[in-house]
Amino acid sequence: MSDNEWDPLSHPGHYFSRIARGLSRVGDARLRDLGLATAQLPILTALKDGAQLSQKQLAHWAKVEQPTMAQMLSRMERDGLIQRTPDPNDRRSSLISLTKMALERLPAGRAVLRQGNADMTKGLTSEEIDTLVVLLRRVLANIETMEQ
């Protein structure tokens, strides 16, 4: 196939991109009433069991740059979802944890995400979903290798 014959619809990258954007839009709309957003999911997941992490640790875990994480944490703090406490090991840093309000919203947020997954895979058998997850994990591993 020559460069002039490039058909993005015949390549998985096109679909991964569309799926990611669509899931983000749908997820944000469904989570809005809970005061949550899909962009916050890595932070909510990392802190869900009472963990306290630094901004740097959260940025590394979520695979985003520190300024991006700083903005997200500022909005979440403004919205009452996280709290900061001084880091006893580093006076220049603080540890971030979820507030009681955020912890109380997590079960409803998980229900929204479960329903979204069910809606997204409608018409697929459980075996097909298992196969899809296996394949997506392989693709993700390839992407993570490319990022190194």
Protein backbone atom coordinates (compact mmCIF):
# COMPACT_ATOMS: atom_id res chain seq x y z
CA MET A 1 0.00 0.00 0.00
CA SER A 2 1.45 3.39 -0.96
CA ASP A 3 1.22 6.48 1.24
CA ASN A 4 -1.49 7.81 -1.08
CA GLU A 5 -3.62 4.75 -0.35
CA TRP A 6 -3.50 5.09 3.44
CA ASP A 7 -6.84 4.09 4.92
CA PRO A 8 -6.96 4.79 8.67
CA LEU A 9 -10.18 2.79 8.99
CA SER A 10 -8.24 -0.37 8.25
CA HIS A 11 -5.83 0.09 11.19
CA PRO A 12 -6.44 -0.45 14.91
CA GLY A 13 -4.89 2.85 15.99
CA HIS A 14 -7.84 4.74 14.52
CA TYR A 15 -10.28 2.70 16.58
CA PHE A 16 -8.22 2.90 19.78
CA SER A 17 -8.22 6.68 19.47
CA ARG A 18 -11.95 6.93 18.78
CA ILE A 19 -12.79 4.47 21.55
CA ALA A 20 -10.65 6.36 24.09
CA ARG A 21 -12.23 9.70 23.23
CA GLY A 22 -15.74 8.24 23.21
CA LEU A 23 -15.27 6.49 26.54
CA SER A 24 -13.97 9.69 28.05
CA ARG A 25 -16.97 11.71 26.83
CA VAL A 26 -19.52 9.11 27.93
CA GLY A 27 -17.74 8.49 31.24
CA ASP A 28 -17.56 12.20 32.05
CA ALA A 29 -21.25 12.64 31.30
CA ARG A 30 -22.19 9.67 33.49
CA LEU A 31 -19.85 10.63 36.36
CA ARG A 32 -20.77 14.33 36.35
CA ASP A 33 -23.64 13.98 38.83
CA LEU A 34 -21.20 12.39 41.29
CA GLY A 35 -18.78 15.30 40.92
CA LEU A 36 -16.21 12.98 39.35
CA ALA A 37 -14.46 12.84 35.97
CA THR A 38 -12.63 10.18 33.99
CA ALA A 39 -9.36 12.13 34.16
CA GLN A 40 -9.48 11.71 37.96
CA LEU A 41 -9.72 7.90 37.80
CA PRO A 42 -5.98 7.20 38.16
CA ILE A 43 -5.85 9.36 41.30
CA LEU A 44 -9.02 7.90 42.77
CA THR A 45 -7.71 4.39 42.07
CA ALA A 46 -4.28 5.02 43.57
CA LEU A 47 -5.74 6.49 46.76
CA LYS A 48 -8.91 4.36 47.10
CA ASP A 49 -7.70 2.25 50.03
CA GLY A 50 -6.59 5.15 52.21
CA ALA A 51 -3.16 5.53 50.63
CA GLN A 52 -1.26 8.79 50.94
CA LEU A 53 0.99 9.62 48.00
CA SER A 54 2.98 12.63 46.88
CA GLN A 55 2.15 14.59 43.76
CA LYS A 56 5.30 13.19 42.16
CA GLN A 57 4.26 9.60 42.94
CA LEU A 58 0.77 10.21 41.57
CA ALA A 59 2.14 11.77 38.37
CA HIS A 60 4.43 8.79 37.85
CA TRP A 61 1.63 6.31 38.56
CA ALA A 62 -0.83 8.10 36.23
CA LYS A 63 1.87 8.56 33.55
CA VAL A 64 1.37 12.33 33.31
CA GLU A 65 3.69 15.29 33.74
CA GLN A 66 3.91 17.02 37.13
CA PRO A 67 2.23 20.28 35.96
CA THR A 68 -0.72 18.28 34.63
CA MET A 69 -1.02 16.43 37.95
CA ALA A 70 -0.72 19.70 39.89
CA GLN A 71 -3.66 21.18 37.97
CA MET A 72 -5.76 18.06 38.46
CA LEU A 73 -5.01 17.95 42.19
CA SER A 74 -5.85 21.65 42.58
CA ARG A 75 -9.25 21.10 41.00
CA MET A 76 -9.88 17.99 43.09
CA GLU A 77 -8.89 19.86 46.25
CA ARG A 78 -11.20 22.73 45.30
CA ASP A 79 -14.02 20.21 44.79
CA GLY A 80 -13.38 18.59 48.18
CA LEU A 81 -12.16 15.25 46.77
CA ILE A 82 -8.60 15.26 48.10
CA GLN A 83 -6.75 16.66 51.07
CA ARG A 84 -3.08 17.46 51.55
CA THR A 85 -1.06 16.84 54.69
CA PRO A 86 2.59 17.71 55.26
CA ASP A 87 4.99 14.91 54.39
CA PRO A 88 6.86 14.05 57.61
CA ASN A 89 9.87 12.92 55.54
CA ASP A 90 10.05 15.97 53.28
CA ARG A 91 8.91 19.37 54.55
CA ARG A 92 8.73 20.72 50.98
CA SER A 93 6.21 18.09 49.96
CA SER A 94 2.72 17.08 50.96
CA LEU A 95 0.92 13.78 50.91
CA ILE A 96 -2.40 13.55 49.10
CA SER A 97 -5.30 11.39 50.24
CA LEU A 98 -8.98 11.14 49.43
CA THR A 99 -11.51 12.94 51.59
CA LYS A 100 -14.39 11.18 53.26
CA MET A 101 -16.70 12.64 50.60
CA ALA A 102 -14.60 11.14 47.78
CA LEU A 103 -14.46 7.75 49.48
CA GLU A 104 -18.26 7.81 49.86
CA ARG A 105 -18.68 8.49 46.12
CA LEU A 106 -16.38 5.69 44.96
CA PRO A 107 -18.95 2.85 45.08
CA ALA A 108 -21.38 4.81 42.90
CA GLY A 109 -18.51 5.72 40.57
CA ARG A 110 -17.54 2.07 40.26
CA ALA A 111 -21.15 1.19 39.43
CA VAL A 112 -21.14 3.81 36.66
CA LEU A 113 -17.91 2.37 35.24
CA ARG A 114 -19.20 -1.21 35.43
CA GLN A 115 -22.32 -0.20 33.54
CA GLY A 116 -20.19 1.61 30.96
CA ASN A 117 -18.13 -1.53 30.42
CA ALA A 118 -21.30 -3.60 30.05
CA ASP A 119 -22.74 -1.09 27.56
CA MET A 120 -19.47 -0.93 25.63
CA THR A 121 -19.20 -4.70 25.24
CA LYS A 122 -22.88 -5.29 24.53
CA GLY A 123 -23.30 -8.11 22.05
CA LEU A 124 -19.99 -9.77 22.92
CA THR A 125 -19.87 -13.11 24.69
CA SER A 126 -17.91 -13.45 27.92
CA GLU A 127 -15.33 -15.47 25.98
CA GLU A 128 -15.00 -12.67 23.41
CA ILE A 129 -14.58 -10.14 26.19
CA ASP A 130 -11.86 -12.29 27.78
CA THR A 131 -10.09 -12.55 24.43
CA LEU A 132 -10.41 -8.81 23.87
CA VAL A 133 -8.86 -8.08 27.27
CA VAL A 134 -5.96 -10.45 26.57
CA LEU A 135 -5.33 -8.77 23.21
CA LEU A 136 -5.61 -5.26 24.66
CA ARG A 137 -3.09 -6.13 27.40
CA ARG A 138 -0.66 -7.25 24.70
CA VAL A 139 -1.17 -4.04 22.74
CA LEU A 140 -0.70 -1.99 25.93
CA ALA A 141 2.53 -3.85 26.70
CA ASN A 142 3.75 -2.97 23.19
CA ILE A 143 2.86 0.70 23.72
CA GLU A 144 4.66 0.77 27.08
CA THR A 145 7.75 -0.72 25.41
CA MET A 146 7.55 1.96 22.70
CA GLU A 147 7.41 4.67 25.39
CA GLN A 148 10.69 3.57 27.01
